[in-house]
Amino acid sequence: MDLETINVDDGEMKKANYPDELVAHLGPCIAIGVYDPITKSGYLMHESHFPDVDLDGKIQKIKKDYEDLSRLKVFAAGNSFISGFESPEIEKKQKEFEQSSRPHVEKVLRYYFKEFQIKWVPDNYCASFYLHTETGKFELEVDCLDEIL
């Protein structure tokens, strides 16, 4: 069976089965990966601002698919603030807006999952978030924007 890499764009939630992998490319966005070691499958969600979307509804869809949320591995990452706005006031408001997703994501994950991990990416970094269904591992590749540009 050939490995397929499935790209998850902003605003999407996709599922992959063994041996495929899911990937989301993040800046200020957040990705949440959920992996089931029994079925060797998982979901990856990618959103720019989770308070504006129905995260509960997405998790309910996952619960309907897997039934038992307690066996799932959960990892969230992203939410780097990208600076460079024309004024300090706009930059401050944008940072507050982007980082308002963090407590929302943490609260919802805490409600549904007993265990989960989060890695917030440092400011002015981007990341690629992988969920490997073959191994059940989450991988976060972080790059400094200054080194990329």
Protein backbone atom coordinates (compact mmCIF):
# COMPACT_ATOMS: atom_id res chain seq x y z
CA MET A 1 0.00 0.00 0.00
CA ASP A 2 1.39 3.41 -0.98
CA LEU A 3 1.57 6.22 1.53
CA GLU A 4 -0.55 9.25 0.67
CA THR A 5 0.07 12.65 2.24
CA ILE A 6 -3.24 14.46 2.70
CA ASN A 7 -3.01 18.24 3.00
CA VAL A 8 -5.44 19.86 5.43
CA ASP A 9 -6.05 23.49 4.51
CA ASP A 10 -7.35 26.27 6.76
CA GLY A 11 -10.98 25.62 7.68
CA GLU A 12 -10.82 21.90 6.98
CA MET A 13 -10.98 18.70 9.01
CA LYS A 14 -9.87 15.51 7.25
CA LYS A 15 -9.46 11.87 8.18
CA ALA A 16 -6.69 9.48 7.18
CA ASN A 17 -6.39 5.73 7.55
CA TYR A 18 -3.26 3.59 7.79
CA PRO A 19 -0.68 4.14 6.25
CA ASP A 20 -1.53 7.66 5.10
CA GLU A 21 -0.50 10.87 6.83
CA LEU A 22 -2.17 14.22 7.35
CA VAL A 23 -0.35 17.55 7.22
CA ALA A 24 -1.27 21.17 7.96
CA HIS A 25 1.02 24.13 7.32
CA LEU A 26 0.65 26.69 10.11
CA GLY A 27 1.46 30.29 10.86
CA PRO A 28 -1.03 31.93 13.20
CA CYS A 29 -3.40 28.99 12.65
CA ILE A 30 -3.90 26.08 15.03
CA ALA A 31 -4.09 22.41 14.12
CA ILE A 32 -5.56 19.69 16.33
CA GLY A 33 -4.69 16.08 15.60
CA VAL A 34 -6.57 13.09 16.97
CA TYR A 35 -5.21 9.54 16.54
CA ASP A 36 -6.84 6.18 17.29
CA PRO A 37 -4.25 3.45 17.95
CA ILE A 38 -6.87 0.69 17.54
CA THR A 39 -7.94 1.59 13.99
CA LYS A 40 -4.65 3.33 13.08
CA SER A 41 -6.58 6.30 11.76
CA GLY A 42 -6.89 9.91 12.71
CA TYR A 43 -8.30 13.34 12.11
CA LEU A 44 -6.57 16.67 11.64
CA MET A 45 -8.35 20.03 11.94
CA HIS A 46 -6.82 23.30 10.79
CA GLU A 47 -8.38 26.63 11.74
CA SER A 48 -7.23 30.23 11.81
CA HIS A 49 -9.46 31.16 14.78
CA PHE A 50 -11.12 28.33 16.71
CA PRO A 51 -13.49 30.56 18.73
CA ASP A 52 -15.29 31.30 15.43
CA VAL A 53 -15.92 27.64 14.54
CA ASP A 54 -17.88 24.78 16.09
CA LEU A 55 -15.03 22.88 17.73
CA ASP A 56 -17.53 20.97 19.87
CA GLY A 57 -19.33 19.84 16.71
CA LYS A 58 -16.07 18.65 15.15
CA ILE A 59 -15.22 16.64 18.27
CA GLN A 60 -18.75 15.19 18.33
CA LYS A 61 -18.20 13.98 14.75
CA ILE A 62 -14.97 12.30 15.88
CA LYS A 63 -16.80 10.80 18.90
CA LYS A 64 -19.49 9.41 16.59
CA ASP A 65 -16.79 7.78 14.46
CA TYR A 66 -14.70 6.32 17.31
CA GLU A 67 -17.27 6.14 20.16
CA ASP A 68 -14.61 6.01 22.91
CA LEU A 69 -12.65 9.27 23.14
CA SER A 70 -10.52 7.99 26.04
CA ARG A 71 -8.32 5.82 23.80
CA LEU A 72 -7.42 8.66 21.44
CA LYS A 73 -4.10 10.50 21.36
CA VAL A 74 -4.57 14.28 20.97
CA PHE A 75 -2.04 16.94 20.04
CA ALA A 76 -2.58 20.62 19.21
CA ALA A 77 -0.02 23.04 17.85
CA GLY A 78 0.54 26.30 16.06
CA ASN A 79 -0.65 29.82 16.79
CA SER A 80 2.53 31.76 16.08
CA PHE A 81 2.06 35.50 15.97
CA ILE A 82 3.49 36.90 12.74
CA SER A 83 4.67 40.49 13.26
CA GLY A 84 5.28 43.23 10.73
CA PHE A 85 2.11 45.34 10.85
CA GLU A 86 2.27 49.00 9.90
CA SER A 87 1.45 50.26 13.40
CA PRO A 88 2.12 48.99 16.93
CA GLU A 89 -1.58 49.38 17.82
CA ILE A 90 -2.73 47.18 14.92
CA GLU A 91 -0.01 44.65 15.71
CA LYS A 92 -1.05 44.49 19.39
CA LYS A 93 -4.73 43.96 18.49
CA GLN A 94 -3.86 41.30 15.93
CA LYS A 95 -1.71 39.42 18.46
CA GLU A 96 -4.53 39.52 21.05
CA PHE A 97 -7.01 38.29 18.42
CA GLU A 98 -4.81 35.43 17.26
CA GLN A 99 -3.86 34.33 20.76
CA SER A 100 -7.48 34.38 21.96
CA SER A 101 -7.75 30.95 20.36
CA ARG A 102 -5.38 29.39 22.88
CA PRO A 103 -7.62 29.41 25.98
CA HIS A 104 -10.62 28.33 23.89
CA VAL A 105 -8.79 25.33 22.43
CA GLU A 106 -7.38 24.35 25.84
CA LYS A 107 -10.81 24.57 27.50
CA VAL A 108 -12.59 22.47 24.86
CA LEU A 109 -9.84 19.83 24.75
CA ARG A 110 -9.84 19.63 28.56
CA TYR A 111 -13.60 19.03 28.50
CA TYR A 112 -13.45 16.10 26.04
CA PHE A 113 -10.04 14.52 26.63
CA LYS A 114 -8.34 13.48 29.87
CA GLU A 115 -4.92 13.73 28.24
CA PHE A 116 -3.65 15.90 25.41
CA GLN A 117 -0.52 17.79 24.44
CA ILE A 118 -0.13 21.33 23.11
CA LYS A 119 2.90 22.99 21.55
CA TRP A 120 2.46 26.70 20.89
CA VAL A 121 4.87 27.82 18.19
CA PRO A 122 7.06 30.88 19.01
CA ASP A 123 6.28 34.24 17.40
CA ASN A 124 7.47 34.72 13.82
CA TYR A 125 7.76 31.00 13.18
CA CYS A 126 5.76 28.73 10.93
CA ALA A 127 5.26 25.01 11.32
CA SER A 128 4.22 21.89 9.49
CA PHE A 129 2.11 19.57 11.63
CA TYR A 130 2.04 15.90 10.62
CA LEU A 131 -0.09 13.04 11.89
CA HIS A 132 1.46 9.72 10.82
CA THR A 133 -1.15 6.95 10.96
CA GLU A 134 1.49 4.29 10.32
CA THR A 135 3.30 5.05 13.59
CA GLY A 136 0.71 7.03 15.54
CA LYS A 137 3.16 9.88 15.95
CA PHE A 138 2.57 13.59 15.71
CA GLU A 139 5.43 15.58 14.21
CA LEU A 140 5.94 19.34 14.32
CA GLU A 141 8.55 20.87 12.04
CA VAL A 142 9.16 24.50 13.08
CA ASP A 143 10.97 27.04 10.90
CA CYS A 144 11.90 30.67 11.54
CA LEU A 145 10.23 32.96 9.01
CA ASP A 146 13.41 35.06 8.74
CA GLU A 147 15.29 31.97 7.54
CA ILE A 148 12.62 31.12 4.97
CA LEU A 149 12.09 34.62 3.48
